[in-house]
């Protein structure tokens, strides 16, 4: 996920608490985290629904010992089990000259939109699950003034079961890579690739993720394109986003996005889609973030999704409260 969000626009209001809001326990340990709750309303052909809930709570423990740093994230998310989860836990060894090695359970490189709500410019995501989440493995990373390079060997790009080779698994070891270029002030270009090696009878899961952002004054302009394929579908996704700070406490964001899924067969669509040979969602989103205090922000959003003839439109409203520490 995008870890390059700078202190402009939404980044200034909802910057990652792991970077900007640490509670220092001692020289080697600090704690950070957030609470995320929301009021959500959806209206589609099946009727309307409204909910209010604690969506997510997270505690991050950050360790620092000279060349070695570490992080352990404990996470609660609303779901069927409502249990605490070890979201990620890793150590990083600084080799010097901009090079480091990381091992453990960690977040994927890929995606413009961040995994945590504290880094988003709005409440909702642009589209579905082609962007990977957390997995186990080892990375080697290099960064310099011109940008960054990264290579990760993981148990699986899209799973985190720890297995890298098993006849009972559909997919074995995965690989992720990234190239980041920062050719001029405000400009960032990101190109990422991921592949999960499939066992017999299945096709590899592959992803190409490209995004670019330009920050100028109080504004941020970003675009992203994803190309994903597996046994069941070929997926193309894109987004364009514009965000601008309005005064000292507000940020306005407009985003359009598209999610097009072509299924390999009607049977495949029945398994992972709507039952049609093709699904396409076109989504329009408007959002406003208001910083009530340094630690509390309110996010309001309205989204309209055109889901085609078969599934009809979806209208969504949300008000979200984010408390960071």
C-alpha atoms as a PDB file:
ATOM      1  CA  UNK A   1       0.000   0.000   0.000  1.00  0.00           C
ATOM      2  CA  UNK A   2       0.953   3.598  -0.511  1.00  0.00           C
ATOM      3  CA  UNK A   3       3.455   4.487   2.213  1.00  0.00           C
ATOM      4  CA  UNK A   4       4.634   7.690   0.532  1.00  0.00           C
ATOM      5  CA  UNK A   5       1.819  10.010   1.625  1.00  0.00           C
ATOM      6  CA  UNK A   6       3.379  13.333   2.540  1.00  0.00           C
ATOM      7  CA  UNK A   7       2.250  16.055   4.912  1.00  0.00           C
ATOM      8  CA  UNK A   8      -0.049  17.832   2.487  1.00  0.00           C
ATOM      9  CA  UNK A   9      -3.818  17.815   2.058  1.00  0.00           C
ATOM     10  CA  UNK A  10      -5.274  14.692   3.709  1.00  0.00           C
ATOM     11  CA  UNK A  11      -1.782  13.601   4.658  1.00  0.00           C
ATOM     12  CA  UNK A  12      -1.476  16.573   6.992  1.00  0.00           C
ATOM     13  CA  UNK A  13      -4.784  15.760   8.687  1.00  0.00           C
ATOM     14  CA  UNK A  14      -4.664  11.963   8.755  1.00  0.00           C
ATOM     15  CA  UNK A  15      -0.967  11.211   8.544  1.00  0.00           C
ATOM     16  CA  UNK A  16       0.132   7.770   9.685  1.00  0.00           C
ATOM     17  CA  UNK A  17       0.195   7.778  13.458  1.00  0.00           C
ATOM     18  CA  UNK A  18       3.129   5.371  13.337  1.00  0.00           C
ATOM     19  CA  UNK A  19       5.148   8.277  11.948  1.00  0.00           C
ATOM     20  CA  UNK A  20       3.645  11.373  13.525  1.00  0.00           C
ATOM     21  CA  UNK A  21       1.850  10.489  16.790  1.00  0.00           C
ATOM     22  CA  UNK A  22       4.041   8.203  18.870  1.00  0.00           C
ATOM     23  CA  UNK A  23       3.751   7.872  22.650  1.00  0.00           C
ATOM     24  CA  UNK A  24       7.319   7.266  23.786  1.00  0.00           C
ATOM     25  CA  UNK A  25       7.637   4.669  26.548  1.00  0.00           C
ATOM     26  CA  UNK A  26      11.441   4.625  26.653  1.00  0.00           C
ATOM     27  CA  UNK A  27      14.391   5.059  24.292  1.00  0.00           C
ATOM     28  CA  UNK A  28      13.616   1.751  22.563  1.00  0.00           C
ATOM     29  CA  UNK A  29       9.819   1.492  22.623  1.00  0.00           C
ATOM     30  CA  UNK A  30       6.946   3.733  21.570  1.00  0.00           C
ATOM     31  CA  UNK A  31       3.246   3.077  21.039  1.00  0.00           C
ATOM     32  CA  UNK A  32       0.798   4.496  18.553  1.00  0.00           C
ATOM     33  CA  UNK A  33      -2.662   3.597  17.313  1.00  0.00           C
ATOM     34  CA  UNK A  34      -6.159   4.698  16.370  1.00  0.00           C
ATOM     35  CA  UNK A  35      -9.889   4.180  16.870  1.00  0.00           C
ATOM     36  CA  UNK A  36     -12.168   4.204  13.823  1.00  0.00           C
ATOM     37  CA  UNK A  37     -15.961   4.345  14.055  1.00  0.00           C
ATOM     38  CA  UNK A  38     -18.591   5.219  11.477  1.00  0.00           C
ATOM     39  CA  UNK A  39     -22.226   5.786  10.645  1.00  0.00           C
ATOM     40  CA  UNK A  40     -22.928   4.161   7.258  1.00  0.00           C
ATOM     41  CA  UNK A  41     -26.010   4.127   5.011  1.00  0.00           C
ATOM     42  CA  UNK A  42     -26.451   2.201   1.747  1.00  0.00           C
ATOM     43  CA  UNK A  43     -29.329   2.195  -0.733  1.00  0.00           C
ATOM     44  CA  UNK A  44     -29.671  -0.233  -3.670  1.00  0.00           C
ATOM     45  CA  UNK A  45     -32.309  -2.346  -5.422  1.00  0.00           C
ATOM     46  CA  UNK A  46     -32.693  -4.583  -2.350  1.00  0.00           C
ATOM     47  CA  UNK A  47     -33.604  -1.619  -0.134  1.00  0.00           C
ATOM     48  CA  UNK A  48     -31.638   0.506   2.290  1.00  0.00           C
ATOM     49  CA  UNK A  49     -29.628  -0.226   5.418  1.00  0.00           C
ATOM     50  CA  UNK A  50     -27.956   1.839   8.130  1.00  0.00           C
ATOM     51  CA  UNK A  51     -25.297   0.861  10.652  1.00  0.00           C
ATOM     52  CA  UNK A  52     -23.189   2.441  13.376  1.00  0.00           C
ATOM     53  CA  UNK A  53     -20.194   0.569  14.732  1.00  0.00           C
ATOM     54  CA  UNK A  54     -16.610   0.573  15.911  1.00  0.00           C
ATOM     55  CA  UNK A  55     -15.022  -0.465  12.623  1.00  0.00           C
ATOM     56  CA  UNK A  56     -11.421  -0.842  13.721  1.00  0.00           C
ATOM     57  CA  UNK A  57      -9.037  -0.358  16.628  1.00  0.00           C
ATOM     58  CA  UNK A  58      -5.269  -0.718  16.412  1.00  0.00           C
ATOM     59  CA  UNK A  59      -2.264  -0.608  18.734  1.00  0.00           C
ATOM     60  CA  UNK A  60       1.206  -0.449  17.172  1.00  0.00           C
ATOM     61  CA  UNK A  61       4.360  -1.175  19.171  1.00  0.00           C
ATOM     62  CA  UNK A  62       7.497   0.325  17.601  1.00  0.00           C
ATOM     63  CA  UNK A  63      10.946  -0.890  18.627  1.00  0.00           C
ATOM     64  CA  UNK A  64      14.301   0.719  17.839  1.00  0.00           C
ATOM     65  CA  UNK A  65      17.755  -0.700  18.637  1.00  0.00           C
ATOM     66  CA  UNK A  66      20.475   1.030  16.612  1.00  0.00           C
ATOM     67  CA  UNK A  67      20.497  -0.755  13.216  1.00  0.00           C
ATOM     68  CA  UNK A  68      17.504  -2.944  14.066  1.00  0.00           C
ATOM     69  CA  UNK A  69      13.921  -1.701  14.216  1.00  0.00           C
ATOM     70  CA  UNK A  70      10.725  -3.648  14.690  1.00  0.00           C
ATOM     71  CA  UNK A  71       6.975  -3.224  14.684  1.00  0.00           C
ATOM     72  CA  UNK A  72       4.091  -5.255  16.106  1.00  0.00           C
ATOM     73  CA  UNK A  73       0.502  -4.247  15.249  1.00  0.00           C
ATOM     74  CA  UNK A  74      -2.469  -5.595  17.215  1.00  0.00           C
ATOM     75  CA  UNK A  75      -5.722  -5.020  15.354  1.00  0.00           C
ATOM     76  CA  UNK A  76      -9.461  -5.344  15.958  1.00  0.00           C
ATOM     77  CA  UNK A  77     -11.887  -5.117  13.044  1.00  0.00           C
ATOM     78  CA  UNK A  78     -15.629  -5.538  12.964  1.00  0.00           C
ATOM     79  CA  UNK A  79     -16.552  -8.966  11.627  1.00  0.00           C
ATOM     80  CA  UNK A  80     -18.112 -12.312  12.433  1.00  0.00           C
ATOM     81  CA  UNK A  81     -15.627 -13.158  15.200  1.00  0.00           C
ATOM     82  CA  UNK A  82     -14.821  -9.653  16.498  1.00  0.00           C
ATOM     83  CA  UNK A  83     -11.442 -10.854  17.760  1.00  0.00           C
ATOM     84  CA  UNK A  84      -8.050  -9.229  18.188  1.00  0.00           C
ATOM     85  CA  UNK A  85      -5.582 -10.151  15.462  1.00  0.00           C
ATOM     86  CA  UNK A  86      -1.821  -9.945  14.967  1.00  0.00           C
ATOM     87  CA  UNK A  87      -1.983  -7.741  11.888  1.00  0.00           C
ATOM     88  CA  UNK A  88       1.750  -7.564  11.305  1.00  0.00           C
ATOM     89  CA  UNK A  89       5.026  -8.190  13.141  1.00  0.00           C
ATOM     90  CA  UNK A  90       8.422  -7.680  11.554  1.00  0.00           C
ATOM     91  CA  UNK A  91      12.017  -6.645  12.134  1.00  0.00           C
ATOM     92  CA  UNK A  92      14.150  -4.511   9.810  1.00  0.00           C
ATOM     93  CA  UNK A  93      17.951  -4.504   9.679  1.00  0.00           C
ATOM     94  CA  UNK A  94      19.567  -1.371   8.257  1.00  0.00           C
ATOM     95  CA  UNK A  95      22.553  -2.364   6.113  1.00  0.00           C
ATOM     96  CA  UNK A  96      23.514   1.253   5.430  1.00  0.00           C
ATOM     97  CA  UNK A  97      23.737   3.151   2.146  1.00  0.00           C
ATOM     98  CA  UNK A  98      19.932   3.117   1.842  1.00  0.00           C
ATOM     99  CA  UNK A  99      19.629  -0.689   1.944  1.00  0.00           C
ATOM    100  CA  UNK A 100      17.607  -2.722   4.451  1.00  0.00           C
ATOM    101  CA  UNK A 101      16.276  -6.254   4.980  1.00  0.00           C
ATOM    102  CA  UNK A 102      12.885  -6.942   6.578  1.00  0.00           C
ATOM    103  CA  UNK A 103      11.551 -10.295   7.828  1.00  0.00           C
ATOM    104  CA  UNK A 104       8.233 -11.281   9.399  1.00  0.00           C
ATOM    105  CA  UNK A 105       4.604 -10.551   8.605  1.00  0.00           C
ATOM    106  CA  UNK A 106       4.199  -7.244   6.776  1.00  0.00           C
ATOM    107  CA  UNK A 107       2.032  -5.261   4.373  1.00  0.00           C
ATOM    108  CA  UNK A 108       2.242  -5.509   0.594  1.00  0.00           C
ATOM    109  CA  UNK A 109       4.139  -2.834  -1.308  1.00  0.00           C
ATOM    110  CA  UNK A 110       1.279  -2.181  -3.690  1.00  0.00           C
ATOM    111  CA  UNK A 111      -1.655   0.198  -3.994  1.00  0.00           C
ATOM    112  CA  UNK A 112      -2.193   3.950  -3.994  1.00  0.00           C
ATOM    113  CA  UNK A 113      -4.846   3.782  -1.275  1.00  0.00           C
ATOM    114  CA  UNK A 114      -3.507   2.871   2.155  1.00  0.00           C
ATOM    115  CA  UNK A 115      -4.539  -0.192   4.140  1.00  0.00           C
ATOM    116  CA  UNK A 116      -5.416   1.869   7.216  1.00  0.00           C
ATOM    117  CA  UNK A 117      -8.138   4.553   7.365  1.00  0.00           C
ATOM    118  CA  UNK A 118      -5.623   7.038   8.806  1.00  0.00           C
ATOM    119  CA  UNK A 119      -3.962   7.354   5.392  1.00  0.00           C
ATOM    120  CA  UNK A 120      -7.028   7.551   3.158  1.00  0.00           C
ATOM    121  CA  UNK A 121      -8.341  10.724   1.551  1.00  0.00           C
ATOM    122  CA  UNK A 122     -11.920   9.459   1.973  1.00  0.00           C
ATOM    123  CA  UNK A 123     -13.971   6.782   3.784  1.00  0.00           C
ATOM    124  CA  UNK A 124     -14.328   4.074   1.134  1.00  0.00           C
ATOM    125  CA  UNK A 125     -11.964   2.300  -1.227  1.00  0.00           C
ATOM    126  CA  UNK A 126     -12.162   2.803  -4.969  1.00  0.00           C
ATOM    127  CA  UNK A 127     -12.541  -0.904  -5.750  1.00  0.00           C
ATOM    128  CA  UNK A 128     -12.125  -4.454  -4.530  1.00  0.00           C
ATOM    129  CA  UNK A 129      -9.532  -6.983  -3.621  1.00  0.00           C
ATOM    130  CA  UNK A 130      -6.857  -7.013  -6.338  1.00  0.00           C
ATOM    131  CA  UNK A 131      -4.455  -5.110  -4.051  1.00  0.00           C
ATOM    132  CA  UNK A 132      -2.790  -7.571  -1.620  1.00  0.00           C
ATOM    133  CA  UNK A 133      -2.801  -7.205   2.148  1.00  0.00           C
ATOM    134  CA  UNK A 134      -0.469  -8.752   4.717  1.00  0.00           C
ATOM    135  CA  UNK A 135       1.779 -11.767   4.185  1.00  0.00           C
ATOM    136  CA  UNK A 136       4.820 -13.518   5.669  1.00  0.00           C
ATOM    137  CA  UNK A 137       8.270 -13.341   4.126  1.00  0.00           C
ATOM    138  CA  UNK A 138      11.482 -11.425   3.568  1.00  0.00           C
ATOM    139  CA  UNK A 139      12.141  -8.175   1.678  1.00  0.00           C
ATOM    140  CA  UNK A 140      15.230  -6.331   0.556  1.00  0.00           C
ATOM    141  CA  UNK A 141      14.793  -2.621  -0.101  1.00  0.00           C
ATOM    142  CA  UNK A 142      16.936   0.195  -1.408  1.00  0.00           C
ATOM    143  CA  UNK A 143      16.148   3.919  -1.401  1.00  0.00           C
ATOM    144  CA  UNK A 144      17.966   7.019  -2.628  1.00  0.00           C
ATOM    145  CA  UNK A 145      17.157  10.565  -3.715  1.00  0.00           C
ATOM    146  CA  UNK A 146      15.882   9.338  -7.093  1.00  0.00           C
ATOM    147  CA  UNK A 147      13.421   6.807  -5.612  1.00  0.00           C
ATOM    148  CA  UNK A 148      13.396   3.229  -4.356  1.00  0.00           C
ATOM    149  CA  UNK A 149      13.605  -0.461  -5.300  1.00  0.00           C
ATOM    150  CA  UNK A 150      12.118  -3.421  -3.453  1.00  0.00           C
ATOM    151  CA  UNK A 151      11.884  -7.208  -3.771  1.00  0.00           C
ATOM    152  CA  UNK A 152       9.839  -9.486  -1.494  1.00  0.00           C
ATOM    153  CA  UNK A 153       9.679 -13.289  -1.241  1.00  0.00           C
ATOM    154  CA  UNK A 154       6.465 -14.226   0.581  1.00  0.00           C
ATOM    155  CA  UNK A 155       4.447 -17.275   1.587  1.00  0.00           C
ATOM    156  CA  UNK A 156       1.713 -16.034  -0.745  1.00  0.00           C
ATOM    157  CA  UNK A 157       0.886 -12.641  -2.184  1.00  0.00           C
ATOM    158  CA  UNK A 158      -2.793 -12.923  -1.245  1.00  0.00           C
ATOM    159  CA  UNK A 159      -2.718 -15.320   1.739  1.00  0.00           C
ATOM    160  CA  UNK A 160      -0.788 -15.379   5.001  1.00  0.00           C
ATOM    161  CA  UNK A 161      -0.910 -19.041   6.056  1.00  0.00           C
ATOM    162  CA  UNK A 162       2.873 -19.340   6.287  1.00  0.00           C
ATOM    163  CA  UNK A 163       3.058 -22.197   3.773  1.00  0.00           C
ATOM    164  CA  UNK A 164       5.451 -21.789   0.830  1.00  0.00           C
ATOM    165  CA  UNK A 165       5.037 -25.285  -0.677  1.00  0.00           C
ATOM    166  CA  UNK A 166       2.206 -27.738  -0.032  1.00  0.00           C
ATOM    167  CA  UNK A 167       0.265 -30.064  -2.317  1.00  0.00           C
ATOM    168  CA  UNK A 168      -2.889 -29.195  -0.373  1.00  0.00           C
ATOM    169  CA  UNK A 169      -2.587 -25.468  -1.177  1.00  0.00           C
ATOM    170  CA  UNK A 170      -3.909 -23.915  -4.378  1.00  0.00           C
ATOM    171  CA  UNK A 171      -1.018 -21.433  -4.410  1.00  0.00           C
ATOM    172  CA  UNK A 172       2.565 -21.658  -3.195  1.00  0.00           C
ATOM    173  CA  UNK A 173       5.279 -19.013  -2.753  1.00  0.00           C
ATOM    174  CA  UNK A 174       4.771 -15.503  -4.114  1.00  0.00           C
ATOM    175  CA  UNK A 175       6.984 -12.636  -5.269  1.00  0.00           C
ATOM    176  CA  UNK A 176       6.474  -8.873  -5.109  1.00  0.00           C
ATOM    177  CA  UNK A 177       8.643  -6.138  -6.599  1.00  0.00           C
ATOM    178  CA  UNK A 178       8.488  -2.358  -6.859  1.00  0.00           C
ATOM    179  CA  UNK A 179      10.174   0.557  -8.586  1.00  0.00           C
ATOM    180  CA  UNK A 180       9.570   4.083  -7.276  1.00  0.00           C
ATOM    181  CA  UNK A 181      10.764   7.204  -9.092  1.00  0.00           C
ATOM    182  CA  UNK A 182      10.693  10.751  -7.707  1.00  0.00           C
ATOM    183  CA  UNK A 183      12.087  12.733 -10.668  1.00  0.00           C
ATOM    184  CA  UNK A 184      11.046  16.204  -9.480  1.00  0.00           C
ATOM    185  CA  UNK A 185       9.553  17.971  -6.493  1.00  0.00           C
ATOM    186  CA  UNK A 186       6.003  16.780  -5.909  1.00  0.00           C
ATOM    187  CA  UNK A 187       6.119  13.931  -8.454  1.00  0.00           C
ATOM    188  CA  UNK A 188       6.039  10.214  -7.599  1.00  0.00           C
ATOM    189  CA  UNK A 189       5.775   7.299 -10.042  1.00  0.00           C
ATOM    190  CA  UNK A 190       5.230   3.759  -8.758  1.00  0.00           C
ATOM    191  CA  UNK A 191       5.365   0.473 -10.700  1.00  0.00           C
ATOM    192  CA  UNK A 192       4.734  -2.804  -8.889  1.00  0.00           C
ATOM    193  CA  UNK A 193       4.422  -6.465  -9.873  1.00  0.00           C
ATOM    194  CA  UNK A 194       3.195  -9.500  -7.927  1.00  0.00           C
ATOM    195  CA  UNK A 195       2.783 -13.192  -8.758  1.00  0.00           C
ATOM    196  CA  UNK A 196       1.480 -16.178  -6.796  1.00  0.00           C
ATOM    197  CA  UNK A 197       2.682 -19.524  -8.206  1.00  0.00           C
ATOM    198  CA  UNK A 198      -0.271 -21.869  -8.727  1.00  0.00           C
ATOM    199  CA  UNK A 199      -0.449 -25.618  -8.304  1.00  0.00           C
ATOM    200  CA  UNK A 200      -1.666 -27.967 -11.053  1.00  0.00           C
ATOM    201  CA  UNK A 201      -5.002 -27.094 -12.621  1.00  0.00           C
ATOM    202  CA  UNK A 202      -4.872 -23.402 -11.732  1.00  0.00           C
ATOM    203  CA  UNK A 203      -3.309 -20.323 -13.293  1.00  0.00           C
ATOM    204  CA  UNK A 204      -0.901 -18.026 -11.463  1.00  0.00           C
ATOM    205  CA  UNK A 205      -2.354 -14.946  -9.780  1.00  0.00           C
ATOM    206  CA  UNK A 206      -0.627 -11.911 -11.308  1.00  0.00           C
ATOM    207  CA  UNK A 207      -0.924  -8.189 -10.628  1.00  0.00           C
ATOM    208  CA  UNK A 208       0.564  -5.099 -12.254  1.00  0.00           C
ATOM    209  CA  UNK A 209       0.015  -1.968 -10.156  1.00  0.00           C
ATOM    210  CA  UNK A 210       0.919   1.493 -11.418  1.00  0.00           C
ATOM    211  CA  UNK A 211       0.170   4.788  -9.739  1.00  0.00           C
ATOM    212  CA  UNK A 212       1.407   8.329  -9.943  1.00  0.00           C
ATOM    213  CA  UNK A 213       0.861  11.378  -7.764  1.00  0.00           C
ATOM    214  CA  UNK A 214       1.644  15.068  -8.053  1.00  0.00           C
ATOM    215  CA  UNK A 215       1.553  17.395  -5.058  1.00  0.00           C
ATOM    216  CA  UNK A 216       1.454  21.138  -5.702  1.00  0.00           C
ATOM    217  CA  UNK A 217       0.622  23.742  -3.106  1.00  0.00           C
ATOM    218  CA  UNK A 218      -2.270  22.465  -1.023  1.00  0.00           C
ATOM    219  CA  UNK A 219      -3.404  20.022  -3.735  1.00  0.00           C
ATOM    220  CA  UNK A 220      -2.741  16.377  -4.587  1.00  0.00           C
ATOM    221  CA  UNK A 221      -3.555  14.778  -7.932  1.00  0.00           C
ATOM    222  CA  UNK A 222      -3.271  10.990  -8.275  1.00  0.00           C
ATOM    223  CA  UNK A 223      -4.058   8.234 -10.775  1.00  0.00           C
ATOM    224  CA  UNK A 224      -3.817   4.444 -10.553  1.00  0.00           C
ATOM    225  CA  UNK A 225      -4.149   1.474 -12.924  1.00  0.00           C
ATOM    226  CA  UNK A 226      -4.328  -2.223 -11.961  1.00  0.00           C
ATOM    227  CA  UNK A 227      -4.227  -5.272 -14.220  1.00  0.00           C
ATOM    228  CA  UNK A 228      -4.980  -8.573 -12.453  1.00  0.00           C
ATOM    229  CA  UNK A 229      -5.537 -12.120 -13.702  1.00  0.00           C
ATOM    230  CA  UNK A 230      -6.144 -15.563 -12.214  1.00  0.00           C
ATOM    231  CA  UNK A 231      -7.957 -18.800 -13.061  1.00  0.00           C
ATOM    232  CA  UNK A 232     -11.392 -17.220 -12.914  1.00  0.00           C
ATOM    233  CA  UNK A 233     -11.128 -13.648 -14.149  1.00  0.00           C
ATOM    234  CA  UNK A 234      -9.204 -10.831 -15.781  1.00  0.00           C
ATOM    235  CA  UNK A 235      -9.632  -7.528 -13.945  1.00  0.00           C
ATOM    236  CA  UNK A 236      -8.768  -3.983 -14.971  1.00  0.00           C
ATOM    237  CA  UNK A 237      -9.169  -1.109 -12.518  1.00  0.00           C
ATOM    238  CA  UNK A 238      -8.376   2.591 -12.560  1.00  0.00           C
ATOM    239  CA  UNK A 239      -8.910   5.685 -10.459  1.00  0.00           C
ATOM    240  CA  UNK A 240      -8.330   9.422 -10.729  1.00  0.00           C
ATOM    241  CA  UNK A 241      -8.361  11.541  -7.570  1.00  0.00           C
ATOM    242  CA  UNK A 242      -8.019  15.224  -6.742  1.00  0.00           C
ATOM    243  CA  UNK A 243      -7.662  16.493  -3.180  1.00  0.00           C
ATOM    244  CA  UNK A 244      -7.213  20.050  -1.906  1.00  0.00           C
ATOM    245  CA  UNK A 245      -6.796  21.512   1.571  1.00  0.00           C
ATOM    246  CA  UNK A 246      -9.447  24.114   2.411  1.00  0.00           C
ATOM    247  CA  UNK A 247      -8.048  26.247   5.198  1.00  0.00           C
ATOM    248  CA  UNK A 248      -6.126  24.862   8.156  1.00  0.00           C
ATOM    249  CA  UNK A 249      -8.578  22.133   9.137  1.00  0.00           C
ATOM    250  CA  UNK A 250     -10.299  20.842   6.015  1.00  0.00           C
ATOM    251  CA  UNK A 251      -9.587  18.701   2.964  1.00  0.00           C
ATOM    252  CA  UNK A 252     -11.958  18.131   0.031  1.00  0.00           C
ATOM    253  CA  UNK A 253     -11.519  15.092  -2.240  1.00  0.00           C
ATOM    254  CA  UNK A 254     -13.165  14.055  -5.511  1.00  0.00           C
ATOM    255  CA  UNK A 255     -12.510  10.595  -6.962  1.00  0.00           C
ATOM    256  CA  UNK A 256     -13.756   8.583  -9.920  1.00  0.00           C
ATOM    257  CA  UNK A 257     -12.935   4.901 -10.357  1.00  0.00           C
ATOM    258  CA  UNK A 258     -13.717   1.931 -12.555  1.00  0.00           C
ATOM    259  CA  UNK A 259     -13.622  -1.817 -11.842  1.00  0.00           C
ATOM    260  CA  UNK A 260     -14.054  -4.090 -14.882  1.00  0.00           C
ATOM    261  CA  UNK A 261     -14.111  -7.883 -14.430  1.00  0.00           C
ATOM    262  CA  UNK A 262     -14.148 -10.323 -17.350  1.00  0.00           C
ATOM    263  CA  UNK A 263     -14.774 -13.904 -16.217  1.00  0.00           C
ATOM    264  CA  UNK A 264     -13.329 -16.941 -17.958  1.00  0.00           C
ATOM    265  CA  UNK A 265     -16.740 -18.674 -17.944  1.00  0.00           C
ATOM    266  CA  UNK A 266     -20.244 -18.393 -16.519  1.00  0.00           C
ATOM    267  CA  UNK A 267     -19.304 -21.076 -14.007  1.00  0.00           C
ATOM    268  CA  UNK A 268     -16.342 -18.981 -12.870  1.00  0.00           C
ATOM    269  CA  UNK A 269     -18.578 -15.919 -12.570  1.00  0.00           C
ATOM    270  CA  UNK A 270     -21.042 -17.889 -10.452  1.00  0.00           C
ATOM    271  CA  UNK A 271     -18.176 -18.704  -8.076  1.00  0.00           C
ATOM    272  CA  UNK A 272     -16.565 -15.263  -7.733  1.00  0.00           C
ATOM    273  CA  UNK A 273     -18.891 -12.778  -9.472  1.00  0.00           C
ATOM    274  CA  UNK A 274     -22.507 -11.982 -10.297  1.00  0.00           C
ATOM    275  CA  UNK A 275     -23.176 -14.947 -12.578  1.00  0.00           C
ATOM    276  CA  UNK A 276     -22.773 -12.823 -15.710  1.00  0.00           C
ATOM    277  CA  UNK A 277     -19.788 -13.074 -18.053  1.00  0.00           C
ATOM    278  CA  UNK A 278     -18.764  -9.492 -17.243  1.00  0.00           C
ATOM    279  CA  UNK A 279     -19.175  -7.076 -14.314  1.00  0.00           C
ATOM    280  CA  UNK A 280     -18.286  -3.388 -14.377  1.00  0.00           C
ATOM    281  CA  UNK A 281     -18.583  -0.771 -11.631  1.00  0.00           C
ATOM    282  CA  UNK A 282     -18.173   2.960 -12.202  1.00  0.00           C
ATOM    283  CA  UNK A 283     -17.908   4.860  -8.913  1.00  0.00           C
ATOM    284  CA  UNK A 284     -18.000   8.577  -8.127  1.00  0.00           C
ATOM    285  CA  UNK A 285     -16.972   9.776  -4.662  1.00  0.00           C
ATOM    286  CA  UNK A 286     -16.971  13.123  -2.858  1.00  0.00           C
ATOM    287  CA  UNK A 287     -15.440  13.398   0.614  1.00  0.00           C
ATOM    288  CA  UNK A 288     -14.560  16.041   3.173  1.00  0.00           C
ATOM    289  CA  UNK A 289     -12.151  15.630   6.108  1.00  0.00           C
ATOM    290  CA  UNK A 290     -12.349  18.037   9.037  1.00  0.00           C
ATOM    291  CA  UNK A 291      -9.629  18.067  11.701  1.00  0.00           C
ATOM    292  CA  UNK A 292     -11.500  18.730  14.945  1.00  0.00           C
ATOM    293  CA  UNK A 293      -8.265  18.548  16.972  1.00  0.00           C
ATOM    294  CA  UNK A 294      -4.753  17.250  16.357  1.00  0.00           C
ATOM    295  CA  UNK A 295      -5.990  13.752  17.296  1.00  0.00           C
ATOM    296  CA  UNK A 296      -9.591  13.701  16.060  1.00  0.00           C
ATOM    297  CA  UNK A 297     -10.876  13.955  12.492  1.00  0.00           C
ATOM    298  CA  UNK A 298     -14.345  13.632  10.969  1.00  0.00           C
ATOM    299  CA  UNK A 299     -14.703  12.189   7.470  1.00  0.00           C
ATOM    300  CA  UNK A 300     -17.933  12.603   5.504  1.00  0.00           C
ATOM    301  CA  UNK A 301     -18.507  10.890   2.162  1.00  0.00           C
ATOM    302  CA  UNK A 302     -21.129  10.297  -0.490  1.00  0.00           C
ATOM    303  CA  UNK A 303     -20.561   7.751  -3.265  1.00  0.00           C
ATOM    304  CA  UNK A 304     -22.622   6.680  -6.261  1.00  0.00           C
ATOM    305  CA  UNK A 305     -21.780   3.410  -8.038  1.00  0.00           C
ATOM    306  CA  UNK A 306     -23.192   2.491 -11.446  1.00  0.00           C
ATOM    307  CA  UNK A 307     -23.166  -1.327 -11.390  1.00  0.00           C
ATOM    308  CA  UNK A 308     -24.796  -1.978 -14.742  1.00  0.00           C
ATOM    309  CA  UNK A 309     -28.160  -3.413 -15.753  1.00  0.00           C
ATOM    310  CA  UNK A 310     -28.005  -6.612 -13.757  1.00  0.00           C
ATOM    311  CA  UNK A 311     -27.028  -5.267 -10.340  1.00  0.00           C
ATOM    312  CA  UNK A 312     -28.337  -1.666 -10.545  1.00  0.00           C
ATOM    313  CA  UNK A 313     -26.915   1.381  -8.785  1.00  0.00           C
ATOM    314  CA  UNK A 314     -25.610   1.719  -5.234  1.00  0.00           C
ATOM    315  CA  UNK A 315     -25.731   4.952  -3.210  1.00  0.00           C
ATOM    316  CA  UNK A 316     -23.637   5.244  -0.043  1.00  0.00           C
ATOM    317  CA  UNK A 317     -23.322   7.850   2.723  1.00  0.00           C
ATOM    318  CA  UNK A 318     -20.841   7.723   5.598  1.00  0.00           C
ATOM    319  CA  UNK A 319     -19.696   9.804   8.551  1.00  0.00           C
ATOM    320  CA  UNK A 320     -16.505   8.527  10.139  1.00  0.00           C
ATOM    321  CA  UNK A 321     -14.697   9.543  13.332  1.00  0.00           C
ATOM    322  CA  UNK A 322     -10.961   8.823  13.532  1.00  0.00           C
ATOM    323  CA  UNK A 323      -9.076   9.226  16.793  1.00  0.00           C
ATOM    324  CA  UNK A 324      -5.293   8.792  16.572  1.00  0.00           C
ATOM    325  CA  UNK A 325      -2.690   8.641  19.306  1.00  0.00           C
END
